[in-house]
Amino acid sequence: MKKLYKVFRQGLIFENPLLMLMIGLCSAIAVTTSVSNGIGMGLAMTFVLLFSEVIISLFRKLIPSAIRIPIFIIVIAAFTTMVDLVMKAYFPDLSKSMGVFIPLIVVNCIIMGRVEAFASKQNLVSVIADSLGMGLGYTWVLIGLAAVRELLGNGTLAGIQIMPSSYQPILFFILPPGGFFVFSLFIAFNIWLKKKMEASQRTKELAAKKEAA
């Protein structure tokens, strides 16, 4: 269990795909102008990542090395198409607001990177922990970015008016430069949190060694 928890936690903080690995930034900055978009994109990515990793892990020993990349793309594209069609059918407004970024999940570096680096080499249980950690790590960053940008840029959260009517929206936060500014603050916070957690872990290990001695 400790090993699985460590794998899961890596995606949330220590190897967060956005804040630490800094991949998949294009869609992250583009869709985080509203909380609804952030939630939708995060859940869509998590779904595609989870099931793509599971399928690749289950059949990893049967996939020829020479054609593994085309097979990975086909698997990812299948689940991306499923998500795209479901969103168009049941959440048409959300699908329209995110535009091309849902179909582009198929070429997102996060999914291809995890499938190649992890799912193609690990067992099913570890893969589930990894995909959920990476997916939720991606999702919480999107929601956080979107909450800050939408609140300051529009005075709303998920379309609900939060700021008083006298509030003057700061349009800078809705534009791409504002997105990168907020993103940089999240990176700084994540690095601080990572160092604090590592220091706490070292303190616990030292205390455990002293007790054992």
N, C-alpha and C. Protein backbone atom coordinates (compact mmCIF):
# COMPACT_ATOMS: atom_id res chain seq x y z
N MET A 1 0.81 -1.21 0.00
CA MET A 1 0.00 0.00 0.00
C MET A 1 0.85 1.27 0.00
N LYS A 2 1.95 1.22 0.75
CA LYS A 2 2.83 2.38 0.80
C LYS A 2 3.39 2.71 -0.59
N LYS A 3 3.73 1.66 -1.32
CA LYS A 3 4.28 1.86 -2.66
C LYS A 3 3.23 2.49 -3.57
N LEU A 4 1.99 2.00 -3.49
CA LEU A 4 0.92 2.53 -4.32
C LEU A 4 0.61 3.98 -3.95
N TYR A 5 0.62 4.26 -2.64
CA TYR A 5 0.36 5.64 -2.20
C TYR A 5 1.46 6.57 -2.70
N LYS A 6 2.69 6.08 -2.69
CA LYS A 6 3.81 6.90 -3.17
C LYS A 6 3.65 7.19 -4.66
N VAL A 7 3.25 6.18 -5.43
CA VAL A 7 3.02 6.37 -6.87
C VAL A 7 1.90 7.38 -7.09
N PHE A 8 0.83 7.24 -6.33
CA PHE A 8 -0.32 8.15 -6.45
C PHE A 8 0.08 9.57 -6.10
N ARG A 9 0.84 9.73 -5.00
CA ARG A 9 1.23 11.06 -4.53
C ARG A 9 2.17 11.77 -5.49
N GLN A 10 2.96 10.99 -6.23
CA GLN A 10 3.90 11.61 -7.16
C GLN A 10 3.18 12.50 -8.16
N GLY A 11 2.07 12.03 -8.68
CA GLY A 11 1.33 12.81 -9.67
C GLY A 11 0.65 14.04 -9.08
N LEU A 12 0.27 13.95 -7.82
CA LEU A 12 -0.41 15.08 -7.19
C LEU A 12 0.53 16.24 -6.93
N ILE A 13 1.75 15.94 -6.46
CA ILE A 13 2.67 17.00 -6.03
C ILE A 13 4.05 16.86 -6.64
N PHE A 14 4.75 15.76 -6.31
CA PHE A 14 6.17 15.67 -6.61
C PHE A 14 6.49 15.56 -8.10
N GLU A 15 5.60 14.95 -8.87
CA GLU A 15 5.79 14.90 -10.32
C GLU A 15 4.53 15.41 -11.01
N ASN A 16 3.94 16.44 -10.45
CA ASN A 16 2.73 17.00 -11.04
C ASN A 16 2.98 17.34 -12.50
N PRO A 17 2.13 16.83 -13.41
CA PRO A 17 2.41 17.01 -14.85
C PRO A 17 2.50 18.47 -15.29
N LEU A 18 1.79 19.35 -14.63
CA LEU A 18 1.82 20.76 -15.00
C LEU A 18 2.88 21.53 -14.23
N LEU A 19 2.87 21.39 -12.91
CA LEU A 19 3.72 22.25 -12.07
C LEU A 19 5.17 21.79 -12.00
N MET A 20 5.42 20.50 -12.14
CA MET A 20 6.78 20.00 -12.04
C MET A 20 7.33 19.56 -13.40
N LEU A 21 6.56 18.75 -14.14
CA LEU A 21 7.02 18.29 -15.44
C LEU A 21 6.80 19.33 -16.54
N MET A 22 5.83 20.22 -16.30
CA MET A 22 5.53 21.33 -17.23
C MET A 22 5.25 20.85 -18.64
N ILE A 23 4.36 19.86 -18.73
CA ILE A 23 3.88 19.39 -20.03
C ILE A 23 2.36 19.57 -20.08
N GLY A 24 1.83 19.71 -21.27
CA GLY A 24 0.40 19.94 -21.43
C GLY A 24 -0.03 21.35 -21.08
N LEU A 25 0.90 22.31 -21.19
CA LEU A 25 0.60 23.68 -20.77
C LEU A 25 -0.36 24.40 -21.73
N CYS A 26 -0.30 24.08 -23.00
CA CYS A 26 -1.10 24.80 -23.99
C CYS A 26 -2.58 24.73 -23.66
N SER A 27 -3.10 23.52 -23.49
CA SER A 27 -4.52 23.37 -23.18
C SER A 27 -4.84 23.90 -21.78
N ALA A 28 -3.89 23.75 -20.85
CA ALA A 28 -4.13 24.21 -19.48
C ALA A 28 -4.36 25.71 -19.43
N ILE A 29 -3.55 26.47 -20.11
CA ILE A 29 -3.70 27.93 -20.11
C ILE A 29 -4.92 28.34 -20.92
N ALA A 30 -5.20 27.61 -21.99
CA ALA A 30 -6.30 27.99 -22.88
C ALA A 30 -7.68 27.80 -22.25
N VAL A 31 -7.87 26.72 -21.49
CA VAL A 31 -9.22 26.41 -21.01
C VAL A 31 -9.52 26.94 -19.62
N THR A 32 -8.51 27.44 -18.91
CA THR A 32 -8.73 27.82 -17.51
C THR A 32 -9.24 29.25 -17.33
N THR A 33 -10.08 29.70 -18.24
CA THR A 33 -10.71 31.01 -18.06
C THR A 33 -12.00 30.88 -17.26
N SER A 34 -12.44 29.64 -17.01
CA SER A 34 -13.62 29.42 -16.16
C SER A 34 -13.47 28.10 -15.42
N VAL A 35 -14.06 28.03 -14.24
CA VAL A 35 -13.98 26.83 -13.41
C VAL A 35 -14.65 25.64 -14.10
N SER A 36 -15.76 25.90 -14.78
CA SER A 36 -16.46 24.81 -15.49
C SER A 36 -15.56 24.15 -16.52
N ASN A 37 -14.84 24.97 -17.26
CA ASN A 37 -13.90 24.43 -18.25
C ASN A 37 -12.80 23.62 -17.58
N GLY A 38 -12.29 24.13 -16.46
CA GLY A 38 -11.23 23.43 -15.75
C GLY A 38 -11.68 22.07 -15.27
N ILE A 39 -12.88 21.99 -14.69
CA ILE A 39 -13.41 20.71 -14.22
C ILE A 39 -13.63 19.75 -15.39
N GLY A 40 -14.25 20.26 -16.45
CA GLY A 40 -14.52 19.42 -17.61
C GLY A 40 -13.26 18.87 -18.24
N MET A 41 -12.26 19.73 -18.44
CA MET A 41 -11.01 19.30 -19.06
C MET A 41 -10.28 18.32 -18.15
N GLY A 42 -10.27 18.60 -16.85
CA GLY A 42 -9.57 17.72 -15.91
C GLY A 42 -10.17 16.34 -15.87
N LEU A 43 -11.49 16.25 -15.80
CA LEU A 43 -12.16 14.95 -15.77
C LEU A 43 -11.99 14.20 -17.08
N ALA A 44 -12.06 14.93 -18.19
CA ALA A 44 -11.86 14.29 -19.49
C ALA A 44 -10.46 13.70 -19.62
N MET A 45 -9.47 14.46 -19.20
CA MET A 45 -8.08 14.00 -19.24
C MET A 45 -7.88 12.79 -18.33
N THR A 46 -8.45 12.85 -17.13
CA THR A 46 -8.30 11.75 -16.18
C THR A 46 -8.91 10.47 -16.73
N PHE A 47 -10.09 10.58 -17.34
CA PHE A 47 -10.75 9.42 -17.94
C PHE A 47 -9.88 8.80 -19.03
N VAL A 48 -9.43 9.61 -19.96
CA VAL A 48 -8.62 9.10 -21.07
C VAL A 48 -7.31 8.52 -20.55
N LEU A 49 -6.68 9.20 -19.60
CA LEU A 49 -5.41 8.72 -19.06
C LEU A 49 -5.58 7.39 -18.34
N LEU A 50 -6.61 7.28 -17.51
CA LEU A 50 -6.85 6.06 -16.74
C LEU A 50 -7.08 4.86 -17.65
N PHE A 51 -8.02 4.97 -18.56
CA PHE A 51 -8.36 3.81 -19.38
C PHE A 51 -7.29 3.50 -20.43
N SER A 52 -6.59 4.52 -20.91
CA SER A 52 -5.49 4.27 -21.85
C SER A 52 -4.36 3.51 -21.15
N GLU A 53 -4.01 3.95 -19.94
CA GLU A 53 -2.95 3.26 -19.20
C GLU A 53 -3.37 1.83 -18.85
N VAL A 54 -4.62 1.63 -18.47
CA VAL A 54 -5.09 0.30 -18.11
C VAL A 54 -5.00 -0.65 -19.31
N ILE A 55 -5.48 -0.20 -20.46
CA ILE A 55 -5.45 -1.05 -21.65
C ILE A 55 -4.02 -1.37 -22.06
N ILE A 56 -3.16 -0.37 -22.07
CA ILE A 56 -1.76 -0.59 -22.45
C ILE A 56 -1.07 -1.51 -21.47
N SER A 57 -1.34 -1.36 -20.19
CA SER A 57 -0.72 -2.23 -19.19
C SER A 57 -1.17 -3.68 -19.36
N LEU A 58 -2.46 -3.89 -19.62
CA LEU A 58 -2.98 -5.24 -19.77
C LEU A 58 -2.38 -5.97 -20.97
N PHE A 59 -2.13 -5.21 -22.04
CA PHE A 59 -1.65 -5.84 -23.28
C PHE A 59 -0.19 -5.52 -23.58
N ARG A 60 0.54 -5.00 -22.59
CA ARG A 60 1.91 -4.54 -22.83
C ARG A 60 2.83 -5.63 -23.36
N LYS A 61 2.62 -6.86 -22.93
CA LYS A 61 3.50 -7.96 -23.36
C LYS A 61 3.17 -8.45 -24.76
N LEU A 62 2.01 -8.04 -25.27
CA LEU A 62 1.59 -8.47 -26.61
C LEU A 62 1.87 -7.42 -27.68
N ILE A 63 2.22 -6.21 -27.24
CA ILE A 63 2.43 -5.11 -28.19
C ILE A 63 3.87 -5.14 -28.71
N PRO A 64 4.08 -5.32 -30.01
CA PRO A 64 5.45 -5.30 -30.56
C PRO A 64 6.11 -3.95 -30.33
N SER A 65 7.35 -3.98 -29.94
CA SER A 65 8.07 -2.74 -29.64
C SER A 65 8.16 -1.81 -30.84
N ALA A 66 8.28 -2.37 -32.03
CA ALA A 66 8.48 -1.57 -33.24
C ALA A 66 7.26 -0.71 -33.59
N ILE A 67 6.06 -1.14 -33.17
CA ILE A 67 4.85 -0.39 -33.53
C ILE A 67 4.09 0.07 -32.28
N ARG A 68 4.79 0.17 -31.18
CA ARG A 68 4.10 0.52 -29.93
C ARG A 68 3.49 1.93 -29.96
N ILE A 69 4.21 2.90 -30.56
CA ILE A 69 3.71 4.28 -30.58
C ILE A 69 2.41 4.39 -31.37
N PRO A 70 2.31 3.83 -32.59
CA PRO A 70 1.02 3.88 -33.30
C PRO A 70 -0.11 3.21 -32.51
N ILE A 71 0.19 2.11 -31.84
CA ILE A 71 -0.84 1.43 -31.05
C ILE A 71 -1.26 2.29 -29.87
N PHE A 72 -0.30 2.93 -29.22
CA PHE A 72 -0.63 3.83 -28.10
C PHE A 72 -1.57 4.94 -28.59
N ILE A 73 -1.25 5.52 -29.74
CA ILE A 73 -2.06 6.62 -30.27
C ILE A 73 -3.48 6.14 -30.60
N ILE A 74 -3.61 4.94 -31.14
CA ILE A 74 -4.94 4.40 -31.47
C ILE A 74 -5.77 4.22 -30.20
N VAL A 75 -5.15 3.67 -29.16
CA VAL A 75 -5.86 3.46 -27.89
C VAL A 75 -6.30 4.80 -27.30
N ILE A 76 -5.38 5.76 -27.24
CA ILE A 76 -5.69 7.08 -26.70
C ILE A 76 -6.78 7.76 -27.52
N ALA A 77 -6.68 7.66 -28.84
CA ALA A 77 -7.66 8.28 -29.73
C ALA A 77 -9.05 7.69 -29.52
N ALA A 78 -9.13 6.39 -29.26
CA ALA A 78 -10.43 5.75 -29.04
C ALA A 78 -11.13 6.33 -27.82
N PHE A 79 -10.41 6.45 -26.72
CA PHE A 79 -11.02 6.98 -25.50
C PHE A 79 -11.27 8.49 -25.61
N THR A 80 -10.40 9.19 -26.33
CA THR A 80 -10.64 10.62 -26.56
C THR A 80 -11.92 10.84 -27.35
N THR A 81 -12.13 10.02 -28.37
CA THR A 81 -13.35 10.12 -29.17
C THR A 81 -14.59 9.85 -28.33
N MET A 82 -14.49 8.86 -27.43
CA MET A 82 -15.61 8.56 -26.54
C MET A 82 -15.97 9.78 -25.68
N VAL A 83 -14.95 10.39 -25.08
CA VAL A 83 -15.17 11.56 -24.24
C VAL A 83 -15.76 12.70 -25.04
N ASP A 84 -15.21 12.93 -26.23
CA ASP A 84 -15.68 14.03 -27.08
C ASP A 84 -17.15 13.85 -27.45
N LEU A 85 -17.54 12.64 -27.83
CA LEU A 85 -18.92 12.38 -28.23
C LEU A 85 -19.88 12.49 -27.04
N VAL A 86 -19.47 11.99 -25.88
CA VAL A 86 -20.31 12.08 -24.68
C VAL A 86 -20.53 13.54 -24.28
N MET A 87 -19.45 14.33 -24.34
CA MET A 87 -19.58 15.74 -23.97
C MET A 87 -20.47 16.50 -24.96
N LYS A 88 -20.34 16.19 -26.24
CA LYS A 88 -21.18 16.84 -27.25
C LYS A 88 -22.66 16.48 -27.06
N ALA A 89 -22.90 15.24 -26.62
CA ALA A 89 -24.27 14.77 -26.46
C ALA A 89 -24.92 15.28 -25.18
N TYR A 90 -24.18 15.27 -24.07
CA TYR A 90 -24.77 15.57 -22.77
C TYR A 90 -24.36 16.92 -22.19
N PHE A 91 -23.23 17.45 -22.64
CA PHE A 91 -22.76 18.75 -22.15
C PHE A 91 -22.36 19.63 -23.34
N PRO A 92 -23.30 19.95 -24.22
CA PRO A 92 -22.96 20.66 -25.46
C PRO A 92 -22.35 22.04 -25.22
N ASP A 93 -22.85 22.77 -24.21
CA ASP A 93 -22.30 24.10 -23.94
C ASP A 93 -20.85 24.02 -23.48
N LEU A 94 -20.57 23.06 -22.60
CA LEU A 94 -19.20 22.89 -22.11
C LEU A 94 -18.29 22.45 -23.24
N SER A 95 -18.77 21.53 -24.07
CA SER A 95 -17.99 21.06 -25.21
C SER A 95 -17.68 22.20 -26.17
N LYS A 96 -18.66 23.05 -26.42
CA LYS A 96 -18.46 24.18 -27.33
C LYS A 96 -17.47 25.18 -26.76
N SER A 97 -17.53 25.42 -25.44
CA SER A 97 -16.65 26.42 -24.83
C SER A 97 -15.19 25.97 -24.83
N MET A 98 -14.96 24.65 -24.80
CA MET A 98 -13.59 24.14 -24.82
C MET A 98 -13.08 23.88 -26.22
N GLY A 99 -13.99 23.88 -27.17
CA GLY A 99 -13.60 23.82 -28.57
C GLY A 99 -12.73 22.63 -28.93
N VAL A 100 -11.61 22.92 -29.59
CA VAL A 100 -10.75 21.88 -30.14
C VAL A 100 -9.90 21.18 -29.10
N PHE A 101 -9.87 21.69 -27.88
CA PHE A 101 -8.95 21.13 -26.88
C PHE A 101 -9.37 19.77 -26.35
N ILE A 102 -10.64 19.40 -26.47
CA ILE A 102 -11.04 18.04 -26.11
C ILE A 102 -10.52 17.03 -27.14
N PRO A 103 -10.76 17.22 -28.45
CA PRO A 103 -10.17 16.29 -29.43
C PRO A 103 -8.63 16.24 -29.36
N LEU A 104 -8.02 17.36 -28.99
CA LEU A 104 -6.55 17.40 -28.94
C LEU A 104 -5.96 16.65 -27.75
N ILE A 105 -6.80 16.11 -26.89
CA ILE A 105 -6.29 15.28 -25.79
C ILE A 105 -5.46 14.12 -26.35
N VAL A 106 -5.81 13.67 -27.54
CA VAL A 106 -5.12 12.53 -28.13
C VAL A 106 -3.63 12.78 -28.32
N VAL A 107 -3.24 14.02 -28.49
CA VAL A 107 -1.82 14.34 -28.66
C VAL A 107 -1.24 15.04 -27.45
N ASN A 108 -1.96 15.00 -26.32
CA ASN A 108 -1.44 15.64 -25.12
C ASN A 108 -0.21 14.88 -24.61
N CYS A 109 0.85 15.62 -24.32
CA CYS A 109 2.12 15.02 -23.91
C CYS A 109 1.99 14.23 -22.61
N ILE A 110 1.08 14.64 -21.74
CA ILE A 110 0.92 13.96 -20.45
C ILE A 110 0.53 12.51 -20.66
N ILE A 111 -0.48 12.28 -21.49
CA ILE A 111 -0.97 10.92 -21.70
C ILE A 111 0.06 10.07 -22.41
N MET A 112 0.60 10.57 -23.51
CA MET A 112 1.59 9.79 -24.25
C MET A 112 2.82 9.51 -23.38
N GLY A 113 3.22 10.49 -22.59
CA GLY A 113 4.39 10.32 -21.73
C GLY A 113 4.18 9.26 -20.67
N ARG A 114 3.01 9.25 -20.03
CA ARG A 114 2.74 8.26 -18.98
C ARG A 114 2.55 6.86 -19.58
N VAL A 115 1.91 6.80 -20.73
CA VAL A 115 1.72 5.50 -21.37
C VAL A 115 3.07 4.89 -21.74
N GLU A 116 3.96 5.71 -22.31
CA GLU A 116 5.27 5.21 -22.73
C GLU A 116 6.18 4.93 -21.54
N ALA A 117 6.23 5.85 -20.58
CA ALA A 117 7.19 5.73 -19.48
C ALA A 117 6.72 4.80 -18.37
N PHE A 118 5.40 4.66 -18.18
CA PHE A 118 4.91 3.91 -17.02
C PHE A 118 4.02 2.73 -17.40
N ALA A 119 2.93 2.99 -18.09
CA ALA A 119 1.94 1.93 -18.34
C ALA A 119 2.51 0.77 -19.14
N SER A 120 3.42 1.04 -20.05
CA SER A 120 3.97 -0.03 -20.89
C SER A 120 4.98 -0.90 -20.15
N LYS A 121 5.27 -0.56 -18.88
CA LYS A 121 6.28 -1.30 -18.12
C LYS A 121 5.79 -1.82 -16.76
N GLN A 122 4.61 -1.35 -16.31
CA GLN A 122 4.16 -1.67 -14.95
C GLN A 122 2.89 -2.50 -14.94
N ASN A 123 2.61 -3.08 -13.75
CA ASN A 123 1.41 -3.91 -13.61
C ASN A 123 0.16 -3.04 -13.47
N LEU A 124 -0.99 -3.68 -13.51
CA LEU A 124 -2.27 -2.97 -13.56
C LEU A 124 -2.52 -2.12 -12.33
N VAL A 125 -2.25 -2.64 -11.14
CA VAL A 125 -2.54 -1.89 -9.91
C VAL A 125 -1.70 -0.62 -9.83
N SER A 126 -0.42 -0.72 -10.15
CA SER A 126 0.44 0.45 -10.12
C SER A 126 0.01 1.48 -11.16
N VAL A 127 -0.44 0.98 -12.31
CA VAL A 127 -0.89 1.86 -13.39
C VAL A 127 -2.13 2.65 -12.99
N ILE A 128 -3.05 1.99 -12.29
CA ILE A 128 -4.26 2.69 -11.84
C ILE A 128 -3.88 3.80 -10.86
N ALA A 129 -2.98 3.50 -9.92
CA ALA A 129 -2.54 4.52 -8.96
C ALA A 129 -1.86 5.68 -9.67
N ASP A 130 -1.02 5.37 -10.66
CA ASP A 130 -0.31 6.42 -11.40
C ASP A 130 -1.26 7.30 -12.20
N SER A 131 -2.20 6.68 -12.91
CA SER A 131 -3.10 7.45 -13.76
C SER A 131 -4.04 8.33 -12.93
N LEU A 132 -4.51 7.81 -11.80
CA LEU A 132 -5.37 8.62 -10.93
C LEU A 132 -4.59 9.77 -10.31
N GLY A 133 -3.36 9.50 -9.89
CA GLY A 133 -2.53 10.57 -9.31
C GLY A 133 -2.23 11.66 -10.32
N MET A 134 -1.81 11.25 -11.52
CA MET A 134 -1.51 12.22 -12.56
C MET A 134 -2.76 12.98 -13.01
N GLY A 135 -3.86 12.24 -13.15
CA GLY A 135 -5.10 12.88 -13.59
C GLY A 135 -5.64 13.87 -12.58
N LEU A 136 -5.65 13.47 -11.31
CA LEU A 136 -6.15 14.38 -10.27
C LEU A 136 -5.17 15.53 -10.04
N GLY A 137 -3.87 15.25 -10.21
CA GLY A 137 -2.88 16.32 -10.10
C GLY A 137 -3.09 17.37 -11.18
N TYR A 138 -3.37 16.91 -12.38
CA TYR A 138 -3.68 17.81 -13.49
C TYR A 138 -4.97 18.58 -13.22
N THR A 139 -5.97 17.86 -12.68
CA THR A 139 -7.29 18.47 -12.47
C THR A 139 -7.27 19.55 -11.40
N TRP A 140 -6.58 19.28 -10.27
CA TRP A 140 -6.61 20.29 -9.20
C TRP A 140 -5.89 21.57 -9.62
N VAL A 141 -4.87 21.42 -10.44
CA VAL A 141 -4.18 22.63 -10.92
C VAL A 141 -5.09 23.41 -11.87
N LEU A 142 -5.78 22.71 -12.76
CA LEU A 142 -6.70 23.39 -13.68
C LEU A 142 -7.79 24.14 -12.91
N ILE A 143 -8.39 23.47 -11.94
CA ILE A 143 -9.47 24.10 -11.18
C ILE A 143 -8.95 25.30 -10.40
N GLY A 144 -7.77 25.15 -9.80
CA GLY A 144 -7.18 26.26 -9.05
C GLY A 144 -6.88 27.45 -9.94
N LEU A 145 -6.24 27.19 -11.09
CA LEU A 145 -5.95 28.26 -12.04
C LEU A 145 -7.23 28.94 -12.51
N ALA A 146 -8.22 28.12 -12.86
CA ALA A 146 -9.47 28.67 -13.37
C ALA A 146 -10.20 29.49 -12.32
N ALA A 147 -10.17 29.03 -11.06
CA ALA A 147 -10.86 29.76 -9.99
C ALA A 147 -10.28 31.15 -9.81
N VAL A 148 -8.95 31.23 -9.79
CA VAL A 148 -8.29 32.54 -9.61
C VAL A 148 -8.56 33.44 -10.81
N ARG A 149 -8.39 32.89 -12.01
CA ARG A 149 -8.53 33.70 -13.22
C ARG A 149 -9.98 34.17 -13.42
N GLU A 150 -10.94 33.27 -13.20
CA GLU A 150 -12.33 33.65 -13.40
C GLU A 150 -12.79 34.65 -12.34
N LEU A 151 -12.38 34.42 -11.09
CA LEU A 151 -12.81 35.31 -10.01
C LEU A 151 -12.28 36.72 -10.21
N LEU A 152 -10.98 36.83 -10.53
CA LEU A 152 -10.39 38.15 -10.70
C LEU A 152 -10.71 38.76 -12.06
N GLY A 153 -10.87 37.91 -13.06
CA GLY A 153 -11.10 38.42 -14.42
C GLY A 153 -12.56 38.71 -14.74
N ASN A 154 -13.48 37.98 -14.07
CA ASN A 154 -14.91 38.17 -14.35
C ASN A 154 -15.74 38.46 -13.10
N GLY A 155 -15.17 38.16 -11.94
CA GLY A 155 -15.92 38.33 -10.70
C GLY A 155 -16.88 37.20 -10.43
N THR A 156 -16.71 36.07 -11.14
CA THR A 156 -17.61 34.92 -10.99
C THR A 156 -16.83 33.65 -10.69
N LEU A 157 -17.54 32.62 -10.24
CA LEU A 157 -17.00 31.27 -10.10
C LEU A 157 -18.01 30.31 -10.70
N ALA A 158 -17.59 29.58 -11.71
CA ALA A 158 -18.48 28.66 -12.43
C ALA A 158 -19.72 29.40 -12.93
N GLY A 159 -19.54 30.65 -13.32
CA GLY A 159 -20.64 31.44 -13.86
C GLY A 159 -21.52 32.11 -12.82
N ILE A 160 -21.25 31.87 -11.54
CA ILE A 160 -22.05 32.46 -10.45
C ILE A 160 -21.36 33.73 -9.96
N GLN A 161 -22.09 34.82 -9.90
CA GLN A 161 -21.51 36.10 -9.48
C GLN A 161 -21.09 36.04 -8.02
N ILE A 162 -19.81 36.29 -7.76
CA ILE A 162 -19.26 36.25 -6.41
C ILE A 162 -18.90 37.65 -5.93
N MET A 163 -18.21 38.38 -6.79
CA MET A 163 -17.80 39.73 -6.43
C MET A 163 -19.01 40.68 -6.45
N PRO A 164 -18.95 41.75 -5.65
CA PRO A 164 -20.05 42.73 -5.67
C PRO A 164 -20.16 43.41 -7.03
N SER A 165 -21.31 43.97 -7.30
CA SER A 165 -21.56 44.60 -8.59
C SER A 165 -20.63 45.77 -8.87
N SER A 166 -20.06 46.34 -7.81
CA SER A 166 -19.14 47.47 -7.98
C SER A 166 -17.74 47.02 -8.40
N TYR A 167 -17.49 45.71 -8.36
CA TYR A 167 -16.15 45.20 -8.70
C TYR A 167 -15.85 45.39 -10.18
N GLN A 168 -14.66 45.90 -10.46
CA GLN A 168 -14.21 46.09 -11.82
C GLN A 168 -13.30 44.92 -12.23
N PRO A 169 -13.78 44.05 -13.13
CA PRO A 169 -12.97 42.88 -13.53
C PRO A 169 -11.60 43.28 -14.05
N ILE A 170 -10.60 42.49 -13.70
CA ILE A 170 -9.23 42.71 -14.17
C ILE A 170 -9.02 41.80 -15.38
N LEU A 171 -9.20 42.32 -16.56
CA LEU A 171 -9.18 41.51 -17.77
C LEU A 171 -7.83 40.83 -18.01
N PHE A 172 -6.79 41.35 -17.40
CA PHE A 172 -5.46 40.77 -17.54
C PHE A 172 -5.47 39.28 -17.21
N PHE A 173 -6.25 38.88 -16.20
CA PHE A 173 -6.24 37.49 -15.75
C PHE A 173 -6.95 36.56 -16.72
N ILE A 174 -7.83 37.07 -17.56
CA ILE A 174 -8.49 36.24 -18.55
C ILE A 174 -7.61 36.01 -19.77
N LEU A 175 -6.70 36.93 -20.00
CA LEU A 175 -5.80 36.83 -21.16
C LEU A 175 -4.65 35.86 -20.87
N PRO A 176 -3.99 35.35 -21.92
CA PRO A 176 -2.89 34.40 -21.72
C PRO A 176 -1.78 34.89 -20.78
N PRO A 177 -1.34 36.18 -20.85
CA PRO A 177 -0.31 36.62 -19.89
C PRO A 177 -0.76 36.45 -18.44
N GLY A 178 -2.02 36.73 -18.17
CA GLY A 178 -2.54 36.54 -16.82
C GLY A 178 -2.53 35.08 -16.42
N GLY A 179 -2.83 34.20 -17.39
CA GLY A 179 -2.79 32.77 -17.11
C GLY A 179 -1.40 32.31 -16.73
N PHE A 180 -0.39 32.78 -17.46
CA PHE A 180 0.99 32.39 -17.13
C PHE A 180 1.43 32.98 -15.79
N PHE A 181 0.95 34.18 -15.47
CA PHE A 181 1.30 34.80 -14.18
C PHE A 181 0.75 33.97 -13.03
N VAL A 182 -0.53 33.60 -13.11
CA VAL A 182 -1.13 32.78 -12.05
C VAL A 182 -0.46 31.41 -12.00
N PHE A 183 -0.15 30.87 -13.16
CA PHE A 183 0.52 29.57 -13.22
C PHE A 183 1.88 29.61 -12.51
N SER A 184 2.62 30.69 -12.68
CA SER A 184 3.92 30.82 -12.01
C SER A 184 3.77 30.85 -10.49
N LEU A 185 2.69 31.46 -10.00
CA LEU A 185 2.44 31.46 -8.56
C LEU A 185 2.14 30.06 -8.06
N PHE A 186 1.42 29.29 -8.85
CA PHE A 186 1.12 27.90 -8.48
C PHE A 186 2.39 27.07 -8.46
N ILE A 187 3.29 27.31 -9.40
CA ILE A 187 4.56 26.59 -9.41
C ILE A 187 5.34 26.88 -8.13
N ALA A 188 5.41 28.15 -7.76
CA ALA A 188 6.13 28.55 -6.55
C ALA A 188 5.53 27.88 -5.31
N PHE A 189 4.20 27.85 -5.24
CA PHE A 189 3.52 27.22 -4.10
C PHE A 189 3.80 25.73 -4.06
N ASN A 190 3.79 25.08 -5.22
CA ASN A 190 4.02 23.64 -5.27
C ASN A 190 5.45 23.29 -4.85
N ILE A 191 6.41 24.11 -5.27
CA ILE A 191 7.81 23.87 -4.87
C ILE A 191 7.96 24.03 -3.37
N TRP A 192 7.32 25.07 -2.80
CA TRP A 192 7.36 25.27 -1.35
C TRP A 192 6.74 24.09 -0.61
N LEU A 193 5.59 23.62 -1.10
CA LEU A 193 4.91 22.50 -0.46
C LEU A 193 5.74 21.23 -0.56
N LYS A 194 6.36 21.01 -1.72
CA LYS A 194 7.19 19.83 -1.91
C LYS A 194 8.37 19.83 -0.93
N LYS A 195 9.04 20.97 -0.80
CA LYS A 195 10.18 21.05 0.12
C LYS A 195 9.74 20.83 1.56
N LYS A 196 8.59 21.39 1.93
CA LYS A 196 8.08 21.23 3.29
C LYS A 196 7.76 19.77 3.59
N MET A 197 7.14 19.08 2.64
CA MET A 197 6.80 17.67 2.82
C MET A 197 8.05 16.81 2.88
N GLU A 198 9.05 17.13 2.06
CA GLU A 198 10.30 16.37 2.09
C GLU A 198 11.03 16.57 3.41
N ALA A 199 11.03 17.82 3.93
CA ALA A 199 11.66 18.09 5.23
C ALA A 199 10.95 17.34 6.34
N SER A 200 9.64 17.31 6.28
CA SER A 200 8.86 16.59 7.29
C SER A 200 9.15 15.10 7.24
N GLN A 201 9.30 14.56 6.03
CA GLN A 201 9.61 13.14 5.88
C GLN A 201 10.98 12.83 6.43
N ARG A 202 11.96 13.69 6.17
CA ARG A 202 13.31 13.47 6.70
C ARG A 202 13.31 13.51 8.22
N THR A 203 12.53 14.44 8.80
CA THR A 203 12.44 14.53 10.26
C THR A 203 11.87 13.25 10.85
N LYS A 204 10.84 12.70 10.22
CA LYS A 204 10.24 11.46 10.69
C LYS A 204 11.22 10.30 10.59
N GLU A 205 11.98 10.25 9.50
CA GLU A 205 12.95 9.17 9.32
C GLU A 205 14.06 9.25 10.36
N LEU A 206 14.53 10.47 10.64
CA LEU A 206 15.56 10.63 11.68
C LEU A 206 15.04 10.23 13.05
N ALA A 207 13.79 10.61 13.34
CA ALA A 207 13.19 10.26 14.63
C ALA A 207 13.05 8.74 14.75
N ALA A 208 12.68 8.09 13.66
CA ALA A 208 12.52 6.65 13.66
C ALA A 208 13.87 5.95 13.88
N LYS A 209 14.94 6.49 13.29
CA LYS A 209 16.28 5.92 13.46
C LYS A 209 16.76 6.07 14.89
N LYS A 210 16.47 7.22 15.51
CA LYS A 210 16.87 7.45 16.90
C LYS A 210 16.16 6.50 17.85
N GLU A 211 14.86 6.26 17.56
CA GLU A 211 14.10 5.34 18.40
C GLU A 211 14.61 3.92 18.25
N ALA A 212 14.98 3.55 17.00
CA ALA A 212 15.50 2.21 16.76
C ALA A 212 16.85 2.00 17.42
N ALA A 213 17.66 3.10 17.47
CA ALA A 213 18.98 3.00 18.10
C ALA A 213 18.86 2.90 19.63
